[in-house]
Protein backbone atom coordinates (compact mmCIF):
# COMPACT_ATOMS: atom_id res chain seq x y z
CA MET A 1 111.44 19.66 -50.20
CA LYS A 2 108.63 19.39 -47.63
CA THR A 3 109.64 22.73 -46.09
CA THR A 4 109.63 24.41 -49.51
CA PHE A 5 106.15 23.04 -50.22
CA ASN A 6 104.87 24.16 -46.80
CA ASN A 7 106.36 27.63 -47.26
CA PHE A 8 104.82 27.92 -50.71
CA TYR A 9 101.46 26.72 -49.43
CA PHE A 10 101.59 29.19 -46.53
CA PHE A 11 102.47 32.03 -48.93
CA LEU A 12 99.67 31.03 -51.31
CA SER A 13 97.08 30.63 -48.54
CA LYS A 14 97.90 34.11 -47.20
CA LYS A 15 97.37 35.59 -50.66
CA MET A 16 94.10 33.69 -51.08
CA GLU A 17 92.94 34.88 -47.67
CA LYS A 18 93.52 38.43 -48.89
CA TYR A 19 92.29 38.14 -52.50
CA GLY A 20 90.16 34.97 -52.66
CA VAL A 21 86.75 36.55 -52.16
CA SER A 22 87.49 39.28 -54.69
CA LEU A 23 88.59 36.64 -57.21
CA MET A 24 85.37 34.71 -56.50
CA ARG A 25 83.31 37.86 -57.18
CA ILE A 26 85.15 38.45 -60.46
CA ALA A 27 84.80 34.79 -61.53
CA LEU A 28 81.06 34.76 -60.79
CA ALA A 29 80.66 38.09 -62.59
CA ILE A 30 82.42 36.71 -65.67
CA ILE A 31 80.20 33.61 -65.68
CA TYR A 32 77.00 35.64 -65.28
CA ILE A 33 77.90 38.27 -67.87
CA TRP A 34 79.14 35.67 -70.37
CA PHE A 35 76.14 33.34 -70.03
CA GLY A 36 73.78 36.32 -70.03
CA VAL A 37 75.22 37.71 -73.25
CA LEU A 38 74.90 34.27 -74.88
CA LYS A 39 71.19 34.27 -74.00
CA ILE A 40 70.71 37.81 -75.31
CA LEU A 41 72.37 36.86 -78.61
CA GLY A 42 70.39 33.60 -78.91
CA MET A 43 73.57 31.52 -78.65
CA SER A 44 73.08 29.87 -75.25
CA PRO A 45 73.33 26.08 -75.10
CA ALA A 46 70.87 26.33 -72.19
CA GLY A 47 68.23 27.95 -74.41
CA ASP A 48 66.36 24.68 -75.07
CA LEU A 49 66.38 23.85 -71.36
CA VAL A 50 64.99 27.27 -70.47
CA GLU A 51 62.36 26.96 -73.20
CA LYS A 52 61.19 23.56 -71.91
CA THR A 53 61.24 24.67 -68.27
CA VAL A 54 59.39 27.96 -68.70
CA PHE A 55 57.12 26.65 -71.44
CA TRP A 56 54.26 29.08 -70.68
CA ILE A 57 56.31 32.16 -71.73
CA ARG A 58 57.42 32.74 -75.32
CA PRO A 59 61.16 31.88 -75.46
CA GLU A 60 62.02 34.63 -77.97
CA PHE A 61 60.87 37.07 -75.28
CA PHE A 62 61.87 35.30 -72.06
CA ILE A 63 65.39 34.06 -72.88
CA PRO A 64 66.83 37.50 -73.80
CA ILE A 65 65.16 39.03 -70.69
CA LEU A 66 66.74 36.27 -68.60
CA GLY A 67 70.07 37.08 -70.27
CA ILE A 68 69.74 40.77 -69.36
CA PHE A 69 68.92 39.75 -65.77
CA GLU A 70 72.06 37.59 -65.67
CA VAL A 71 74.21 40.42 -67.06
CA PHE A 72 72.84 42.72 -64.34
CA ILE A 73 73.76 40.13 -61.70
CA GLY A 74 77.27 39.95 -63.16
CA ILE A 75 77.67 43.72 -63.12
CA GLY A 76 76.20 43.90 -59.60
CA LEU A 77 78.88 41.52 -58.35
CA LEU A 78 81.52 43.99 -59.52
CA ILE A 79 79.99 46.99 -57.73
CA ARG A 80 80.61 46.73 -54.00
CA LYS A 81 77.53 48.72 -52.92
CA LEU A 82 75.25 46.43 -54.92
CA ILE A 83 76.55 43.16 -53.50
CA PRO A 84 73.79 42.47 -50.91
CA LYS A 85 70.95 42.98 -53.41
CA THR A 86 72.87 41.20 -56.15
CA ILE A 87 73.51 38.15 -53.95
CA MET A 88 69.78 37.92 -53.20
CA LEU A 89 68.98 38.07 -56.94
CA LEU A 90 71.68 35.48 -57.65
CA LEU A 91 70.25 33.10 -55.03
CA LEU A 92 66.74 33.60 -56.44
CA HIS A 93 68.09 32.86 -59.92
CA MET A 94 69.91 29.75 -58.69
CA THR A 95 66.72 28.50 -57.05
CA ALA A 96 64.96 28.85 -60.40
CA THR A 97 67.71 26.85 -62.11
CA LEU A 98 66.66 23.84 -60.03
CA PHE A 99 63.18 23.76 -61.62
CA PRO A 100 64.20 21.32 -64.39
CA PHE A 101 64.94 18.70 -61.70
CA PHE A 102 61.21 18.70 -60.92
CA ILE A 103 59.71 19.60 -64.29
CA LEU A 104 62.09 17.74 -66.64
CA LYS A 105 63.39 14.88 -64.53
CA SER A 106 64.01 12.66 -67.57
CA SER A 107 66.18 15.39 -69.15
CA CYS A 108 68.25 15.67 -65.97
CA PHE A 109 68.80 12.01 -65.05
CA GLU A 110 69.43 8.73 -66.83
CA VAL A 111 68.78 7.01 -63.49
CA PHE A 112 67.35 9.22 -60.73
CA PRO A 113 69.17 10.35 -58.57
CA TYR A 114 72.45 8.56 -59.30
CA GLU A 115 73.20 9.17 -62.96
CA PRO A 116 72.73 12.76 -64.08
CA THR A 117 72.70 13.59 -67.77
CA LEU A 118 74.87 16.40 -69.11
CA VAL A 119 71.92 18.74 -68.43
CA GLY A 120 71.70 17.44 -64.86
CA GLN A 121 75.42 17.97 -64.36
CA TYR A 122 75.06 21.51 -65.76
CA ILE A 123 72.45 22.20 -63.07
CA ILE A 124 74.31 20.42 -60.24
CA LYS A 125 77.41 22.56 -60.85
CA ASN A 126 75.31 25.55 -59.79
CA LEU A 127 75.88 24.40 -56.21
CA VAL A 128 79.41 25.78 -56.59
CA LEU A 129 78.01 29.14 -57.72
CA VAL A 130 75.68 29.20 -54.70
CA ALA A 131 78.55 28.35 -52.34
CA GLY A 132 80.65 31.12 -53.88
CA ALA A 133 77.79 33.60 -53.49
CA LEU A 134 77.40 32.64 -49.83
CA VAL A 135 81.13 33.15 -49.22
CA ILE A 136 80.92 36.59 -50.85
CA ALA A 137 77.83 37.48 -48.81
CA GLY A 138 79.56 36.43 -45.59
CA LYS A 139 82.68 38.44 -46.38
CA TYR A 140 80.68 41.49 -47.42
CA ASN A 141 78.62 41.26 -44.23
CA GLU A 142 81.80 40.98 -42.14
CA ASP A 143 83.38 43.97 -43.91
CA TYR A 144 80.17 45.99 -43.51
CA TYR A 145 80.03 45.44 -39.75
CA VAL A 146 83.74 46.17 -39.35
CA GLU A 147 83.19 49.45 -41.23
CA MET A 148 80.11 50.29 -39.13
CA ASN A 149 81.94 49.59 -35.86
CA LEU A 150 84.91 51.64 -37.02
CA LYS A 151 82.60 54.50 -37.94
CA LYS A 152 80.88 54.32 -34.52
CA GLU A 153 84.25 54.30 -32.77
CA GLN A 154 85.37 57.31 -34.79
CA GLU A 155 82.15 59.16 -33.97
CA LYS A 156 82.52 58.28 -30.28
CA PHE A 157 86.13 59.44 -30.31
CA ALA A 158 85.17 62.70 -32.04
CA ALA A 159 82.36 63.31 -29.51
CA ASN A 160 84.68 62.58 -26.57
CA THR A 161 87.39 64.82 -28.02
CA GLN A 162 84.88 67.61 -28.56
CA THR A 163 83.57 67.25 -24.97
CA HIS A 164 87.11 67.15 -23.60
CA ASN A 165 88.11 70.25 -25.60
CA HIS A 166 84.97 72.05 -24.42
CA GLN A 167 85.79 71.22 -20.79
CA ILE A 168 89.35 72.52 -21.20
CA LEU A 169 88.07 75.78 -22.69
CA ASN A 170 85.60 76.26 -19.82
CA GLU A 171 88.25 75.79 -17.10
């Protein structure tokens, strides 16, 4: 039984090593697109929180714009070339989601800092989104440098081959 479990875990971990970051990108994209569309349609349960946090901007204007921004982040997570810029926008957005902790402390905690309200829990869960974004950024960065090094090696090989062929022709 233990061997079967270990074999299954090994199999699963190998698959997650291969597909985990892509699944994280897709999951974050779904969350961002879904929550963004809810804001655009005026159906977001976070609408009141946004309205109270960014009280100096008219909510009927700001909340749909925020929703469009979130949809763009979601789409950007699905387009490989846009990942670096998208991750930066996502991290900026996540920083802004912490504002209620400072502006609306009583809405976020029954007892600060030990007993978060449902709103506080909603904000705290964003730490998982940030962690996922950082994992994606790290993987994208690693892939980018592997591609760049491969490209340099290919260029070096092509240059050496060309020089070698030129030398053979001149002999």
